Amino acid sequence: MMSAAETALPMLSGKPMPIVGIGTWQLKSGDLREALNVAIETGYKHIDTARGYYNEGEIGEALEEMIKAGKVTREELFITTKVSNCR
């Protein structure tokens, strides 16, 4: 079994960011909420998304509900995204 240090990378702040996260591509509606809920309950703290997935608003709403329910704190979460080549 890997230690927490082996499954995270240190950020400049010194805070370790998990290298494994849940991807949200193609997740929509109820599937998205259920997937995020299961991921958070099983210990995932890294959420990967992108503007081009067209589900960032729903991800935010689902995470807000989980934070309000006390399942996770915002400070525990790492939310990563991609920047597209916009012209």
N, C-alpha and C. Protein backbone atom coordinates (compact mmCIF):
# COMPACT_ATOMS: atom_id res chain seq x y z
N MET A 1 0.85 -1.18 0.00
CA MET A 1 0.00 0.00 0.00
C MET A 1 0.89 1.24 0.00
N MET A 2 0.50 2.24 -0.78
CA MET A 2 1.28 3.47 -0.89
C MET A 2 0.94 4.42 0.25
N SER A 3 1.93 5.17 0.68
CA SER A 3 1.69 6.18 1.72
C SER A 3 1.07 7.42 1.09
N ALA A 4 0.51 8.28 1.92
CA ALA A 4 -0.09 9.53 1.43
C ALA A 4 0.95 10.36 0.69
N ALA A 5 2.19 10.35 1.15
CA ALA A 5 3.26 11.12 0.51
C ALA A 5 3.54 10.61 -0.90
N GLU A 6 3.36 9.31 -1.13
CA GLU A 6 3.61 8.73 -2.44
C GLU A 6 2.45 8.95 -3.41
N THR A 7 1.31 9.38 -2.91
CA THR A 7 0.15 9.59 -3.75
C THR A 7 -0.19 11.06 -3.89
N ALA A 8 0.76 11.94 -3.52
CA ALA A 8 0.53 13.37 -3.60
C ALA A 8 1.81 14.07 -4.02
N LEU A 9 1.65 15.25 -4.58
CA LEU A 9 2.79 16.08 -4.97
C LEU A 9 2.74 17.37 -4.17
N PRO A 10 3.88 17.82 -3.64
CA PRO A 10 3.86 19.06 -2.87
C PRO A 10 3.69 20.28 -3.78
N MET A 11 2.82 21.17 -3.38
CA MET A 11 2.65 22.43 -4.10
C MET A 11 3.64 23.44 -3.53
N LEU A 12 3.77 24.59 -4.16
CA LEU A 12 4.68 25.61 -3.65
C LEU A 12 4.34 26.02 -2.22
N SER A 13 3.07 25.94 -1.87
CA SER A 13 2.64 26.28 -0.51
C SER A 13 3.06 25.22 0.50
N GLY A 14 3.50 24.05 -0.01
CA GLY A 14 3.85 22.94 0.86
C GLY A 14 2.70 21.96 1.05
N LYS A 15 1.51 22.37 0.67
CA LYS A 15 0.34 21.50 0.81
C LYS A 15 0.40 20.38 -0.23
N PRO A 16 0.21 19.13 0.17
CA PRO A 16 0.26 18.03 -0.80
C PRO A 16 -1.03 17.93 -1.62
N MET A 17 -0.89 17.85 -2.94
CA MET A 17 -2.05 17.70 -3.83
C MET A 17 -2.11 16.25 -4.30
N PRO A 18 -3.25 15.60 -4.12
CA PRO A 18 -3.39 14.21 -4.57
C PRO A 18 -3.14 14.09 -6.07
N ILE A 19 -2.38 13.08 -6.48
CA ILE A 19 -2.12 12.89 -7.90
C ILE A 19 -3.25 12.13 -8.59
N VAL A 20 -4.08 11.47 -7.83
CA VAL A 20 -5.22 10.76 -8.40
C VAL A 20 -6.48 11.54 -8.05
N GLY A 21 -7.28 11.77 -9.06
CA GLY A 21 -8.53 12.49 -8.85
C GLY A 21 -9.64 11.88 -9.67
N ILE A 22 -10.83 12.39 -9.46
CA ILE A 22 -11.96 11.92 -10.26
C ILE A 22 -12.12 12.85 -11.45
N GLY A 23 -12.17 12.26 -12.63
CA GLY A 23 -12.42 13.02 -13.84
C GLY A 23 -13.91 13.21 -14.05
N THR A 24 -14.28 14.34 -14.61
CA THR A 24 -15.71 14.65 -14.74
C THR A 24 -16.16 14.76 -16.20
N TRP A 25 -15.30 14.38 -17.14
CA TRP A 25 -15.67 14.44 -18.55
C TRP A 25 -16.85 13.52 -18.81
N GLN A 26 -17.81 14.02 -19.50
CA GLN A 26 -19.04 13.32 -19.90
C GLN A 26 -19.98 13.01 -18.75
N LEU A 27 -19.70 13.52 -17.55
CA LEU A 27 -20.65 13.32 -16.44
C LEU A 27 -21.72 14.39 -16.51
N LYS A 28 -22.95 13.98 -16.44
CA LYS A 28 -24.09 14.90 -16.51
C LYS A 28 -25.09 14.58 -15.41
N SER A 29 -25.84 15.58 -15.01
CA SER A 29 -26.97 15.47 -14.08
C SER A 29 -26.74 14.56 -12.89
N GLY A 30 -27.69 13.64 -12.69
CA GLY A 30 -27.67 12.75 -11.53
C GLY A 30 -26.42 11.90 -11.46
N ASP A 31 -25.91 11.48 -12.62
CA ASP A 31 -24.68 10.68 -12.64
C ASP A 31 -23.52 11.47 -12.05
N LEU A 32 -23.46 12.76 -12.38
CA LEU A 32 -22.38 13.61 -11.88
C LEU A 32 -22.45 13.71 -10.37
N ARG A 33 -23.60 14.03 -9.85
CA ARG A 33 -23.76 14.17 -8.40
C ARG A 33 -23.46 12.87 -7.67
N GLU A 34 -23.94 11.77 -8.21
CA GLU A 34 -23.69 10.48 -7.57
C GLU A 34 -22.20 10.13 -7.60
N ALA A 35 -21.56 10.35 -8.75
CA ALA A 35 -20.13 10.05 -8.87
C ALA A 35 -19.30 10.90 -7.91
N LEU A 36 -19.61 12.19 -7.83
CA LEU A 36 -18.87 13.06 -6.91
C LEU A 36 -19.12 12.67 -5.46
N ASN A 37 -20.34 12.33 -5.14
CA ASN A 37 -20.68 11.93 -3.77
C ASN A 37 -19.90 10.66 -3.37
N VAL A 38 -19.91 9.67 -4.24
CA VAL A 38 -19.17 8.43 -3.95
C VAL A 38 -17.67 8.72 -3.85
N ALA A 39 -17.17 9.53 -4.76
CA ALA A 39 -15.73 9.86 -4.75
C ALA A 39 -15.34 10.54 -3.44
N ILE A 40 -16.11 11.54 -3.02
CA ILE A 40 -15.81 12.25 -1.78
C ILE A 40 -15.91 11.30 -0.59
N GLU A 41 -16.94 10.48 -0.56
CA GLU A 41 -17.13 9.54 0.55
C GLU A 41 -16.01 8.50 0.63
N THR A 42 -15.38 8.18 -0.51
CA THR A 42 -14.30 7.20 -0.50
C THR A 42 -12.92 7.84 -0.37
N GLY A 43 -12.89 9.17 -0.23
CA GLY A 43 -11.64 9.84 0.06
C GLY A 43 -11.01 10.67 -1.03
N TYR A 44 -11.62 10.73 -2.20
CA TYR A 44 -11.07 11.58 -3.25
C TYR A 44 -11.17 13.04 -2.83
N LYS A 45 -10.08 13.78 -3.09
CA LYS A 45 -10.07 15.22 -2.78
C LYS A 45 -9.69 16.04 -4.01
N HIS A 46 -9.39 15.35 -5.11
CA HIS A 46 -8.97 16.01 -6.35
C HIS A 46 -10.07 15.83 -7.39
N ILE A 47 -10.63 16.94 -7.86
CA ILE A 47 -11.70 16.93 -8.85
C ILE A 47 -11.14 17.56 -10.12
N ASP A 48 -11.18 16.84 -11.23
CA ASP A 48 -10.66 17.36 -12.50
C ASP A 48 -11.81 17.70 -13.43
N THR A 49 -11.77 18.90 -13.98
CA THR A 49 -12.84 19.36 -14.86
C THR A 49 -12.25 20.23 -15.96
N ALA A 50 -13.11 20.75 -16.82
CA ALA A 50 -12.71 21.68 -17.87
C ALA A 50 -13.94 22.44 -18.34
N ARG A 51 -13.71 23.65 -18.79
CA ARG A 51 -14.82 24.46 -19.30
C ARG A 51 -15.54 23.74 -20.44
N GLY A 52 -14.77 23.06 -21.27
CA GLY A 52 -15.34 22.36 -22.42
C GLY A 52 -16.19 21.15 -22.07
N TYR A 53 -16.21 20.75 -20.81
CA TYR A 53 -17.07 19.64 -20.39
C TYR A 53 -18.51 20.12 -20.17
N TYR A 54 -18.70 21.42 -20.06
CA TYR A 54 -20.02 22.03 -19.88
C TYR A 54 -20.78 21.51 -18.66
N ASN A 55 -20.04 21.20 -17.60
CA ASN A 55 -20.71 20.74 -16.37
C ASN A 55 -20.12 21.39 -15.12
N GLU A 56 -19.31 22.43 -15.30
CA GLU A 56 -18.66 23.05 -14.15
C GLU A 56 -19.66 23.64 -13.15
N GLY A 57 -20.75 24.22 -13.64
CA GLY A 57 -21.77 24.77 -12.74
C GLY A 57 -22.38 23.70 -11.86
N GLU A 58 -22.69 22.59 -12.47
CA GLU A 58 -23.28 21.47 -11.73
C GLU A 58 -22.28 20.87 -10.73
N ILE A 59 -21.02 20.83 -11.12
CA ILE A 59 -19.98 20.35 -10.20
C ILE A 59 -19.92 21.27 -8.99
N GLY A 60 -19.92 22.57 -9.24
CA GLY A 60 -19.90 23.54 -8.14
C GLY A 60 -21.09 23.38 -7.21
N GLU A 61 -22.27 23.20 -7.77
CA GLU A 61 -23.47 23.03 -6.96
C GLU A 61 -23.38 21.75 -6.12
N ALA A 62 -22.93 20.66 -6.74
CA ALA A 62 -22.82 19.39 -6.01
C ALA A 62 -21.80 19.50 -4.88
N LEU A 63 -20.65 20.11 -5.16
CA LEU A 63 -19.63 20.27 -4.12
C LEU A 63 -20.11 21.18 -3.00
N GLU A 64 -20.84 22.24 -3.37
CA GLU A 64 -21.39 23.14 -2.35
C GLU A 64 -22.32 22.39 -1.41
N GLU A 65 -23.15 21.52 -1.95
CA GLU A 65 -24.07 20.72 -1.12
C GLU A 65 -23.27 19.82 -0.17
N MET A 66 -22.21 19.19 -0.69
CA MET A 66 -21.40 18.30 0.15
C MET A 66 -20.66 19.07 1.24
N ILE A 67 -20.21 20.26 0.91
CA ILE A 67 -19.54 21.10 1.91
C ILE A 67 -20.53 21.50 3.00
N LYS A 68 -21.72 21.94 2.59
CA LYS A 68 -22.75 22.33 3.55
C LYS A 68 -23.19 21.16 4.41
N ALA A 69 -23.16 19.95 3.85
CA ALA A 69 -23.55 18.75 4.60
C ALA A 69 -22.43 18.26 5.52
N GLY A 70 -21.26 18.88 5.42
CA GLY A 70 -20.15 18.50 6.28
C GLY A 70 -19.36 17.29 5.81
N LYS A 71 -19.56 16.88 4.55
CA LYS A 71 -18.85 15.71 4.03
C LYS A 71 -17.39 16.03 3.70
N VAL A 72 -17.10 17.29 3.40
CA VAL A 72 -15.76 17.72 3.02
C VAL A 72 -15.69 19.23 3.23
N THR A 73 -14.49 19.75 3.39
CA THR A 73 -14.33 21.20 3.47
C THR A 73 -13.72 21.69 2.17
N ARG A 74 -13.93 22.95 1.85
CA ARG A 74 -13.35 23.51 0.62
C ARG A 74 -11.83 23.45 0.68
N GLU A 75 -11.27 23.63 1.86
CA GLU A 75 -9.82 23.63 2.03
C GLU A 75 -9.20 22.26 1.73
N GLU A 76 -9.98 21.21 1.82
CA GLU A 76 -9.49 19.86 1.54
C GLU A 76 -9.47 19.55 0.05
N LEU A 77 -10.23 20.30 -0.74
CA LEU A 77 -10.41 19.99 -2.15
C LEU A 77 -9.38 20.65 -3.06
N PHE A 78 -9.03 19.92 -4.10
CA PHE A 78 -8.20 20.44 -5.19
C PHE A 78 -9.04 20.32 -6.45
N ILE A 79 -9.34 21.43 -7.07
CA ILE A 79 -10.16 21.42 -8.29
C ILE A 79 -9.27 21.89 -9.43
N THR A 80 -9.01 20.99 -10.37
CA THR A 80 -8.16 21.34 -11.50
C THR A 80 -8.99 21.47 -12.76
N THR A 81 -8.50 22.27 -13.69
CA THR A 81 -9.20 22.50 -14.94
C THR A 81 -8.17 22.65 -16.06
N LYS A 82 -8.65 22.74 -17.25
CA LYS A 82 -7.78 22.92 -18.41
C LYS A 82 -8.09 24.27 -19.07
N VAL A 83 -7.08 24.86 -19.67
CA VAL A 83 -7.26 26.11 -20.40
C VAL A 83 -7.21 25.76 -21.88
N SER A 84 -8.27 26.12 -22.58
CA SER A 84 -8.30 25.80 -24.01
C SER A 84 -7.64 26.91 -24.80
N ASN A 85 -7.33 26.61 -26.03
CA ASN A 85 -6.70 27.57 -26.93
C ASN A 85 -7.78 28.47 -27.52
N CYS A 86 -8.11 29.52 -26.80
CA CYS A 86 -9.17 30.44 -27.24
C CYS A 86 -8.56 31.54 -28.10
N ARG A 87 -9.23 31.86 -29.17
CA ARG A 87 -8.75 32.95 -30.04
C ARG A 87 -9.75 34.05 -30.11
